[in-house]
Amino acid sequence: MVRAFQFANQVAVTGVVDAVTATLLFSGTARGIDAARLEGVPGIAIGEFETWDEGQRTGNTDVVLLDGVRLTAWLAPHWVRMRDAAQADGVQLRFNSARSGFRTSQDQAELYRRYGSPRAVPPGWSNHQDGHAIDLVMTPEVKRWMSARAGEFGFVRPTYEDWHWEYRA
């Protein structure tokens, strides 16, 4: 939320309540986090993050907070279309943790320390770090729906992990 507040108020987005952020917080004139939006993108903008692919830094991408997880701004509309279509069919798609979308190198390092290989990969090698991957709670209903319909929205399951889906359109 600190990142969203900083983004909305056009100050350096660090996620740390520094002197500038603290002054704004108590100024009474600061914009709320609902102003932290990217045009045409669902969710609350929380800043720009490094992207990684195959162990190489590939650049930066805008990230939003949506449905309790970080998603790349370009992926968020695809997720919303799929989520809403599932809902219309009576199926609720939910992320399986707060780290089920975009991950920083620190996030990936912690997961790699916790789970090790093959369940997690080292930082720089996860498709969550380039913004393509999401992890879902896989109930039998979700599994059936995703198997039948995810491809319509550009999502595929490229691994043995039934919860891991990637956008490939």
C-alpha atoms as a PDB file:
ATOM      1  CA  MET A   1       0.000   0.000   0.000  1.00  0.00           C
ATOM      2  CA  VAL A   2       2.971   2.304   0.619  1.00  0.00           C
ATOM      3  CA  ARG A   3       4.089   1.746  -2.975  1.00  0.00           C
ATOM      4  CA  ALA A   4       0.577   2.555  -4.264  1.00  0.00           C
ATOM      5  CA  PHE A   5       0.471   5.706  -2.120  1.00  0.00           C
ATOM      6  CA  GLN A   6       3.856   6.804  -3.450  1.00  0.00           C
ATOM      7  CA  PHE A   7       2.801   6.074  -7.029  1.00  0.00           C
ATOM      8  CA  ALA A   8      -0.450   8.059  -6.612  1.00  0.00           C
ATOM      9  CA  ASN A   9       1.496  11.028  -5.237  1.00  0.00           C
ATOM     10  CA  GLN A  10       4.248  10.925  -7.853  1.00  0.00           C
ATOM     11  CA  VAL A  11       7.159  10.451  -5.485  1.00  0.00           C
ATOM     12  CA  ALA A  12       9.890   7.810  -5.693  1.00  0.00           C
ATOM     13  CA  VAL A  13       8.228   4.394  -5.373  1.00  0.00           C
ATOM     14  CA  THR A  14      10.342   2.524  -2.842  1.00  0.00           C
ATOM     15  CA  GLY A  15       7.825   0.887  -0.528  1.00  0.00           C
ATOM     16  CA  VAL A  16       9.575   2.565   2.398  1.00  0.00           C
ATOM     17  CA  VAL A  17       7.982   5.310   4.472  1.00  0.00           C
ATOM     18  CA  ASP A  18      10.800   7.838   4.162  1.00  0.00           C
ATOM     19  CA  ALA A  19      10.619  11.499   5.202  1.00  0.00           C
ATOM     20  CA  VAL A  20       8.901  12.593   1.958  1.00  0.00           C
ATOM     21  CA  THR A  21       6.271   9.849   2.194  1.00  0.00           C
ATOM     22  CA  ALA A  22       5.652  10.473   5.897  1.00  0.00           C
ATOM     23  CA  THR A  23       5.168  14.189   5.269  1.00  0.00           C
ATOM     24  CA  LEU A  24       2.667  13.431   2.512  1.00  0.00           C
ATOM     25  CA  LEU A  25       0.822  10.893   4.668  1.00  0.00           C
ATOM     26  CA  PHE A  26       0.070  13.540   7.272  1.00  0.00           C
ATOM     27  CA  SER A  27      -0.388  16.502   4.917  1.00  0.00           C
ATOM     28  CA  GLY A  28      -4.103  16.218   4.354  1.00  0.00           C
ATOM     29  CA  THR A  29      -3.560  17.055   0.679  1.00  0.00           C
ATOM     30  CA  ALA A  30      -2.109  13.754  -0.524  1.00  0.00           C
ATOM     31  CA  ARG A  31      -3.933  11.619  -3.053  1.00  0.00           C
ATOM     32  CA  GLY A  32      -5.289   8.275  -1.859  1.00  0.00           C
ATOM     33  CA  ILE A  33      -4.224   4.941  -3.296  1.00  0.00           C
ATOM     34  CA  ASP A  34      -7.353   4.828  -5.420  1.00  0.00           C
ATOM     35  CA  ALA A  35      -5.558   7.436  -7.568  1.00  0.00           C
ATOM     36  CA  ALA A  36      -2.778   4.924  -8.247  1.00  0.00           C
ATOM     37  CA  ARG A  37      -4.087   3.754 -11.591  1.00  0.00           C
ATOM     38  CA  LEU A  38      -2.649   3.090 -15.011  1.00  0.00           C
ATOM     39  CA  GLU A  39      -4.987   4.046 -17.827  1.00  0.00           C
ATOM     40  CA  GLY A  40      -6.968   1.052 -19.050  1.00  0.00           C
ATOM     41  CA  VAL A  41      -5.423  -1.335 -16.508  1.00  0.00           C
ATOM     42  CA  PRO A  42      -7.396  -2.897 -13.661  1.00  0.00           C
ATOM     43  CA  GLY A  43      -5.858  -2.854 -10.192  1.00  0.00           C
ATOM     44  CA  ILE A  44      -3.817  -0.375  -8.195  1.00  0.00           C
ATOM     45  CA  ALA A  45      -0.422   0.580  -9.598  1.00  0.00           C
ATOM     46  CA  ILE A  46       2.435  -0.110  -7.207  1.00  0.00           C
ATOM     47  CA  GLY A  47       5.400   0.832  -9.379  1.00  0.00           C
ATOM     48  CA  GLU A  48       7.947  -0.501 -11.787  1.00  0.00           C
ATOM     49  CA  PHE A  49       9.854  -3.719 -11.083  1.00  0.00           C
ATOM     50  CA  GLU A  50      12.785  -5.578 -12.657  1.00  0.00           C
ATOM     51  CA  THR A  51      11.978  -8.494 -14.965  1.00  0.00           C
ATOM     52  CA  TRP A  52      14.097 -11.600 -15.423  1.00  0.00           C
ATOM     53  CA  ASP A  53      14.122 -14.464 -17.933  1.00  0.00           C
ATOM     54  CA  GLU A  54      16.479 -17.440 -18.148  1.00  0.00           C
ATOM     55  CA  GLY A  55      18.791 -15.930 -15.555  1.00  0.00           C
ATOM     56  CA  GLN A  56      19.125 -12.574 -17.326  1.00  0.00           C
ATOM     57  CA  ARG A  57      17.681  -9.225 -16.347  1.00  0.00           C
ATOM     58  CA  THR A  58      15.396  -8.229 -19.218  1.00  0.00           C
ATOM     59  CA  GLY A  59      14.168  -4.795 -18.147  1.00  0.00           C
ATOM     60  CA  ASN A  60      11.397  -3.297 -16.058  1.00  0.00           C
ATOM     61  CA  THR A  61       7.618  -3.565 -16.077  1.00  0.00           C
ATOM     62  CA  ASP A  62       4.721  -1.765 -14.424  1.00  0.00           C
ATOM     63  CA  VAL A  63       3.034  -3.844 -11.735  1.00  0.00           C
ATOM     64  CA  VAL A  64      -0.436  -3.562 -10.230  1.00  0.00           C
ATOM     65  CA  LEU A  65      -2.036  -5.040  -7.144  1.00  0.00           C
ATOM     66  CA  LEU A  66      -5.183  -6.926  -8.160  1.00  0.00           C
ATOM     67  CA  ASP A  67      -7.180  -9.603  -6.343  1.00  0.00           C
ATOM     68  CA  GLY A  68      -4.560  -9.617  -3.597  1.00  0.00           C
ATOM     69  CA  VAL A  69      -1.521 -10.317  -5.784  1.00  0.00           C
ATOM     70  CA  ARG A  70       0.981  -8.405  -7.884  1.00  0.00           C
ATOM     71  CA  LEU A  71       0.441  -8.745 -11.629  1.00  0.00           C
ATOM     72  CA  THR A  72       2.255  -7.110 -14.499  1.00  0.00           C
ATOM     73  CA  ALA A  73       0.108  -4.325 -15.912  1.00  0.00           C
ATOM     74  CA  TRP A  74       0.009  -5.997 -19.323  1.00  0.00           C
ATOM     75  CA  LEU A  75      -1.220  -9.326 -17.828  1.00  0.00           C
ATOM     76  CA  ALA A  76      -3.922  -7.860 -15.561  1.00  0.00           C
ATOM     77  CA  PRO A  77      -6.571  -7.349 -18.296  1.00  0.00           C
ATOM     78  CA  HIS A  78      -6.107 -10.959 -19.518  1.00  0.00           C
ATOM     79  CA  TRP A  79      -6.524 -12.261 -15.965  1.00  0.00           C
ATOM     80  CA  VAL A  80      -9.679 -10.185 -15.437  1.00  0.00           C
ATOM     81  CA  ARG A  81     -11.273 -11.474 -18.655  1.00  0.00           C
ATOM     82  CA  MET A  82     -10.561 -15.082 -17.687  1.00  0.00           C
ATOM     83  CA  ARG A  83     -11.594 -14.608 -14.045  1.00  0.00           C
ATOM     84  CA  ASP A  84     -14.862 -12.954 -15.062  1.00  0.00           C
ATOM     85  CA  ALA A  85     -15.674 -15.633 -17.661  1.00  0.00           C
ATOM     86  CA  ALA A  86     -15.140 -18.342 -15.061  1.00  0.00           C
ATOM     87  CA  GLN A  87     -17.366 -16.445 -12.622  1.00  0.00           C
ATOM     88  CA  ALA A  88     -20.097 -16.247 -15.285  1.00  0.00           C
ATOM     89  CA  ASP A  89     -19.841 -20.050 -15.544  1.00  0.00           C
ATOM     90  CA  GLY A  90     -20.169 -20.388 -11.761  1.00  0.00           C
ATOM     91  CA  VAL A  91     -16.469 -21.105 -11.109  1.00  0.00           C
ATOM     92  CA  GLN A  92     -14.347 -18.956  -8.816  1.00  0.00           C
ATOM     93  CA  LEU A  93     -10.708 -18.547  -9.855  1.00  0.00           C
ATOM     94  CA  ARG A  94      -8.492 -17.570  -6.927  1.00  0.00           C
ATOM     95  CA  PHE A  95      -4.755 -17.173  -6.529  1.00  0.00           C
ATOM     96  CA  ASN A  96      -3.209 -19.691  -4.150  1.00  0.00           C
ATOM     97  CA  SER A  97      -1.043 -17.172  -2.270  1.00  0.00           C
ATOM     98  CA  ALA A  98       0.033 -13.541  -2.213  1.00  0.00           C
ATOM     99  CA  ARG A  99       3.062 -14.569  -4.337  1.00  0.00           C
ATOM    100  CA  SER A 100       1.005 -16.262  -7.041  1.00  0.00           C
ATOM    101  CA  GLY A 101       1.567 -13.551  -9.638  1.00  0.00           C
ATOM    102  CA  PHE A 102       4.570 -11.354 -10.327  1.00  0.00           C
ATOM    103  CA  ARG A 103       7.570 -12.088  -8.085  1.00  0.00           C
ATOM    104  CA  THR A 104      10.629 -10.051  -7.254  1.00  0.00           C
ATOM    105  CA  SER A 105      14.050 -11.668  -7.016  1.00  0.00           C
ATOM    106  CA  GLN A 106      13.705 -11.538  -3.221  1.00  0.00           C
ATOM    107  CA  ASP A 107      10.350 -13.353  -3.394  1.00  0.00           C
ATOM    108  CA  GLN A 108      11.807 -16.041  -5.628  1.00  0.00           C
ATOM    109  CA  ALA A 109      14.912 -16.439  -3.441  1.00  0.00           C
ATOM    110  CA  GLU A 110      12.734 -17.006  -0.382  1.00  0.00           C
ATOM    111  CA  LEU A 111      10.593 -19.596  -2.176  1.00  0.00           C
ATOM    112  CA  TYR A 112      13.712 -21.354  -3.487  1.00  0.00           C
ATOM    113  CA  ARG A 113      15.165 -21.488   0.039  1.00  0.00           C
ATOM    114  CA  ARG A 114      11.869 -22.794   1.405  1.00  0.00           C
ATOM    115  CA  TYR A 115      11.010 -25.401  -1.238  1.00  0.00           C
ATOM    116  CA  GLY A 116      14.165 -26.064  -3.254  1.00  0.00           C
ATOM    117  CA  SER A 117      14.302 -27.775  -6.612  1.00  0.00           C
ATOM    118  CA  PRO A 118      12.241 -28.965  -8.469  1.00  0.00           C
ATOM    119  CA  ARG A 119       9.287 -27.186  -6.838  1.00  0.00           C
ATOM    120  CA  ALA A 120      11.008 -23.783  -7.039  1.00  0.00           C
ATOM    121  CA  VAL A 121      13.780 -22.443  -9.234  1.00  0.00           C
ATOM    122  CA  PRO A 122      16.534 -19.966  -8.348  1.00  0.00           C
ATOM    123  CA  PRO A 123      15.933 -16.222  -8.735  1.00  0.00           C
ATOM    124  CA  GLY A 124      16.047 -15.106 -12.349  1.00  0.00           C
ATOM    125  CA  TRP A 125      14.673 -18.385 -13.701  1.00  0.00           C
ATOM    126  CA  SER A 126      10.977 -18.240 -12.761  1.00  0.00           C
ATOM    127  CA  ASN A 127       8.320 -17.195 -15.251  1.00  0.00           C
ATOM    128  CA  HIS A 128       6.729 -15.343 -12.355  1.00  0.00           C
ATOM    129  CA  GLN A 129       9.655 -12.901 -12.631  1.00  0.00           C
ATOM    130  CA  ASP A 130       8.886 -11.965 -16.230  1.00  0.00           C
ATOM    131  CA  GLY A 131       5.203 -11.576 -15.436  1.00  0.00           C
ATOM    132  CA  HIS A 132       3.773 -14.466 -17.454  1.00  0.00           C
ATOM    133  CA  ALA A 133       2.883 -16.900 -14.651  1.00  0.00           C
ATOM    134  CA  ILE A 134       0.089 -17.248 -12.117  1.00  0.00           C
ATOM    135  CA  ASP A 135      -0.677 -19.939  -9.529  1.00  0.00           C
ATOM    136  CA  LEU A 136      -4.284 -20.843  -8.756  1.00  0.00           C
ATOM    137  CA  VAL A 137      -6.199 -22.787  -6.111  1.00  0.00           C
ATOM    138  CA  MET A 138      -7.081 -25.944  -8.032  1.00  0.00           C
ATOM    139  CA  THR A 139     -10.411 -27.343  -6.930  1.00  0.00           C
ATOM    140  CA  PRO A 140     -11.945 -30.035  -9.163  1.00  0.00           C
ATOM    141  CA  GLU A 141     -14.271 -27.384 -10.657  1.00  0.00           C
ATOM    142  CA  VAL A 142     -11.374 -25.017 -11.376  1.00  0.00           C
ATOM    143  CA  LYS A 143      -9.314 -27.827 -12.889  1.00  0.00           C
ATOM    144  CA  ARG A 144     -12.163 -28.779 -15.259  1.00  0.00           C
ATOM    145  CA  TRP A 145     -12.853 -25.156 -16.212  1.00  0.00           C
ATOM    146  CA  MET A 146      -9.199 -24.265 -16.769  1.00  0.00           C
ATOM    147  CA  SER A 147      -8.609 -27.424 -18.817  1.00  0.00           C
ATOM    148  CA  ALA A 148     -11.562 -26.604 -21.037  1.00  0.00           C
ATOM    149  CA  ARG A 149     -11.378 -22.808 -21.291  1.00  0.00           C
ATOM    150  CA  ALA A 150      -8.030 -21.299 -20.214  1.00  0.00           C
ATOM    151  CA  GLY A 151      -6.661 -21.499 -23.758  1.00  0.00           C
ATOM    152  CA  GLU A 152      -9.412 -19.144 -24.965  1.00  0.00           C
ATOM    153  CA  PHE A 153      -7.785 -16.466 -22.800  1.00  0.00           C
ATOM    154  CA  GLY A 154      -4.174 -17.279 -23.727  1.00  0.00           C
ATOM    155  CA  PHE A 155      -3.298 -19.342 -20.640  1.00  0.00           C
ATOM    156  CA  VAL A 156      -1.582 -22.748 -20.754  1.00  0.00           C
ATOM    157  CA  ARG A 157      -0.292 -25.168 -18.110  1.00  0.00           C
ATOM    158  CA  PRO A 158       3.319 -25.873 -19.167  1.00  0.00           C
ATOM    159  CA  THR A 159       4.474 -27.950 -16.180  1.00  0.00           C
ATOM    160  CA  TYR A 160       3.460 -30.907 -14.041  1.00  0.00           C
ATOM    161  CA  GLU A 161       2.200 -28.406 -11.431  1.00  0.00           C
ATOM    162  CA  ASP A 162      -1.569 -28.273 -11.921  1.00  0.00           C
ATOM    163  CA  TRP A 163      -1.733 -24.874 -10.159  1.00  0.00           C
ATOM    164  CA  HIS A 164       0.844 -23.147 -12.429  1.00  0.00           C
ATOM    165  CA  TRP A 165      -0.506 -21.374 -15.526  1.00  0.00           C
ATOM    166  CA  GLU A 166       1.260 -19.091 -17.986  1.00  0.00           C
ATOM    167  CA  TYR A 167       0.017 -16.527 -20.455  1.00  0.00           C
ATOM    168  CA  ARG A 168       1.312 -17.397 -23.935  1.00  0.00           C
ATOM    169  CA  ALA A 169      -0.964 -15.663 -26.449  1.00  0.00           C
END
